[in-house]
Amino acid sequence: MTTSEAAPTVTRRPDGYQISTDPDRLDVDRVHRWLSTDAYWALGRDRETVARAIAGSLNFGLYAPDGQQVGFARVVTDLATFAWLCDVYVRPEDRGRGLGTWLATTVRDHLAPHRLKRILLFTEDAHEVYARVGFTALPEPPERVMSLRLDDD
């Protein structure tokens, strides 16, 4: 199963940064390295799992003016009712330039035409980045959000 659309899209900033949904541009080894060594939610994640997650998702690669991938975001969605934004990452040396906000905004704007009811996000940090894009904490009581763990962790 893959979440794909008819044609990849590219969004550009005046400073030369780009965001692309083209899966062929993604550097899976780089994304794996970032997630497995620097992202608190994915530390130790193996490459095969990262590759499978990418294959089953709508992906957004963030690229520097020289074409090098410097960030990533992944969306798990049916493109009809629901989306889950996850694995959002901007390389440390590129942070502080508004790239995380731009990446989240681009994801939101890309999904908007599909008229989804909700985009869900789980995060322990960068709340101000996501708030600027329109994310808010869920007002529902915790018992309305449920989870089924299928692993031993």
Protein backbone atom coordinates (compact mmCIF):
# COMPACT_ATOMS: atom_id res chain seq x y z
CA MET A 1 0.00 0.00 0.00
CA THR A 2 1.26 3.44 -0.82
CA THR A 3 -0.26 6.83 -0.32
CA SER A 4 0.47 8.60 -3.54
CA GLU A 5 -1.08 11.16 -5.79
CA ALA A 6 -1.09 11.70 -9.53
CA ALA A 7 2.00 13.88 -9.69
CA PRO A 8 4.58 15.05 -7.15
CA THR A 9 4.40 18.68 -6.09
CA VAL A 10 7.22 21.12 -5.39
CA THR A 11 6.93 24.24 -3.22
CA ARG A 12 9.74 26.82 -3.31
CA ARG A 13 10.89 29.63 -1.04
CA PRO A 14 12.65 32.75 -2.38
CA ASP A 15 15.86 31.68 -0.60
CA GLY A 16 16.03 28.50 -2.71
CA TYR A 17 14.73 25.92 -0.24
CA GLN A 18 12.23 23.46 -1.69
CA ILE A 19 9.69 20.95 -0.40
CA SER A 20 8.84 18.08 -2.72
CA THR A 21 6.49 15.12 -2.52
CA ASP A 22 8.54 13.27 -5.15
CA PRO A 23 9.44 9.91 -3.54
CA ASP A 24 12.38 9.48 -5.93
CA ARG A 25 14.15 12.50 -4.39
CA LEU A 26 14.08 11.14 -0.84
CA ASP A 27 17.39 10.02 0.64
CA VAL A 28 16.12 7.09 2.71
CA ASP A 29 19.53 6.44 4.26
CA ARG A 30 19.72 10.05 5.44
CA VAL A 31 16.17 10.00 6.81
CA HIS A 32 16.94 6.74 8.62
CA ARG A 33 20.11 8.22 10.13
CA TRP A 34 18.26 11.33 11.34
CA LEU A 35 15.36 9.43 12.86
CA SER A 36 17.32 6.56 14.39
CA THR A 37 20.03 8.71 15.97
CA ASP A 38 18.56 12.18 16.60
CA ALA A 39 14.76 11.94 16.88
CA TYR A 40 13.58 11.06 20.42
CA TRP A 41 10.52 9.22 19.09
CA ALA A 42 12.45 6.96 16.70
CA LEU A 43 15.81 6.31 18.34
CA GLY A 44 17.15 2.96 17.21
CA ARG A 45 14.53 2.47 14.51
CA ASP A 46 15.98 0.12 11.88
CA ARG A 47 16.36 1.09 8.24
CA GLU A 48 13.86 -1.49 6.98
CA THR A 49 11.15 -0.03 9.21
CA VAL A 50 11.92 3.50 8.01
CA ALA A 51 11.81 2.34 4.37
CA ARG A 52 8.49 0.53 4.88
CA ALA A 53 7.01 3.56 6.66
CA ILE A 54 8.07 5.82 3.80
CA ALA A 55 6.65 3.40 1.21
CA GLY A 56 3.24 3.47 2.93
CA SER A 57 3.03 7.22 3.45
CA LEU A 58 2.75 10.57 1.74
CA ASN A 59 6.22 12.07 2.19
CA PHE A 60 7.57 15.61 2.11
CA GLY A 61 11.29 16.09 1.52
CA LEU A 62 12.85 19.44 2.47
CA TYR A 63 15.80 20.43 0.27
CA ALA A 64 18.46 23.14 0.57
CA PRO A 65 19.25 25.42 -2.38
CA ASP A 66 22.05 23.03 -3.39
CA GLY A 67 19.53 20.16 -3.63
CA GLN A 68 20.71 18.35 -0.50
CA GLN A 69 17.92 16.94 1.64
CA VAL A 70 17.81 18.76 5.00
CA GLY A 71 14.40 17.75 6.36
CA PHE A 72 11.50 15.37 6.15
CA ALA A 73 7.86 14.92 7.15
CA ARG A 74 5.62 11.91 6.70
CA VAL A 75 1.83 11.72 6.58
CA VAL A 76 -0.20 8.56 7.11
CA THR A 77 -3.57 9.18 5.48
CA ASP A 78 -6.48 7.85 3.47
CA LEU A 79 -6.71 11.26 1.73
CA ALA A 80 -10.43 11.26 2.52
CA THR A 81 -11.11 11.62 6.24
CA PHE A 82 -7.96 11.59 8.37
CA ALA A 83 -4.21 12.20 8.40
CA TRP A 84 -1.46 11.69 10.94
CA LEU A 85 1.57 13.96 10.62
CA CYS A 86 4.69 12.23 11.91
CA ASP A 87 8.47 11.96 11.64
CA VAL A 88 8.85 15.73 11.17
CA TYR A 89 12.56 16.51 11.18
CA VAL A 90 14.78 19.43 10.18
CA ARG A 91 18.54 18.98 10.27
CA PRO A 92 20.00 20.85 13.30
CA GLU A 93 22.18 23.18 11.24
CA ASP A 94 19.11 24.30 9.25
CA ARG A 95 16.88 25.00 12.25
CA GLY A 96 15.99 28.53 13.29
CA ARG A 97 15.14 29.62 9.73
CA GLY A 98 11.42 28.92 9.86
CA LEU A 99 11.83 25.71 7.87
CA GLY A 100 9.89 23.56 10.36
CA THR A 101 6.95 25.94 10.28
CA TRP A 102 7.13 26.09 6.49
CA LEU A 103 7.25 22.29 6.27
CA ALA A 104 4.19 21.89 8.54
CA THR A 105 2.36 24.67 6.65
CA THR A 106 3.11 23.01 3.32
CA VAL A 107 1.76 19.69 4.61
CA ARG A 108 -1.40 21.41 5.87
CA ASP A 109 -1.92 23.27 2.60
CA HIS A 110 -1.24 20.14 0.54
CA LEU A 111 -3.90 18.19 2.46
CA ALA A 112 -6.50 21.01 2.55
CA PRO A 113 -8.11 20.23 -0.84
CA HIS A 114 -8.91 16.71 0.38
CA ARG A 115 -11.28 18.15 3.02
CA LEU A 116 -10.01 15.90 5.80
CA LYS A 117 -11.79 16.15 9.13
CA ARG A 118 -8.59 16.17 11.17
CA ILE A 119 -4.80 16.05 11.00
CA LEU A 120 -3.42 14.45 14.13
CA LEU A 121 0.05 15.02 15.56
CA PHE A 122 1.81 13.57 18.60
CA THR A 123 4.77 15.60 19.84
CA GLU A 124 6.66 16.32 23.03
CA ASP A 125 8.37 19.43 21.64
CA ALA A 126 8.12 22.27 19.12
CA HIS A 127 4.53 23.01 20.13
CA GLU A 128 4.97 26.66 19.11
CA VAL A 129 5.95 25.59 15.58
CA TYR A 130 2.77 23.58 15.15
CA ALA A 131 0.59 26.20 16.88
CA ARG A 132 1.68 28.75 14.25
CA VAL A 133 0.26 26.40 11.62
CA GLY A 134 -3.05 26.02 13.48
CA PHE A 135 -2.56 22.87 15.56
CA THR A 136 -4.15 22.97 19.02
CA ALA A 137 -4.17 20.55 21.94
CA LEU A 138 -7.16 18.24 21.81
CA PRO A 139 -9.87 19.46 24.18
CA GLU A 140 -11.35 15.98 24.49
CA PRO A 141 -10.79 14.06 27.70
CA PRO A 142 -7.88 11.60 27.50
CA GLU A 143 -10.25 8.64 27.58
CA ARG A 144 -11.51 9.60 24.10
CA VAL A 145 -8.06 8.97 22.63
CA MET A 146 -7.17 5.28 22.76
CA SER A 147 -4.16 3.26 21.70
CA LEU A 148 -3.47 -0.43 21.13
CA ARG A 149 0.20 -1.38 21.55
CA LEU A 150 1.31 -4.22 19.29
CA ASP A 151 4.98 -4.24 20.26
CA ASP A 152 6.81 -5.02 23.48
CA ASP A 153 8.26 -1.52 23.98
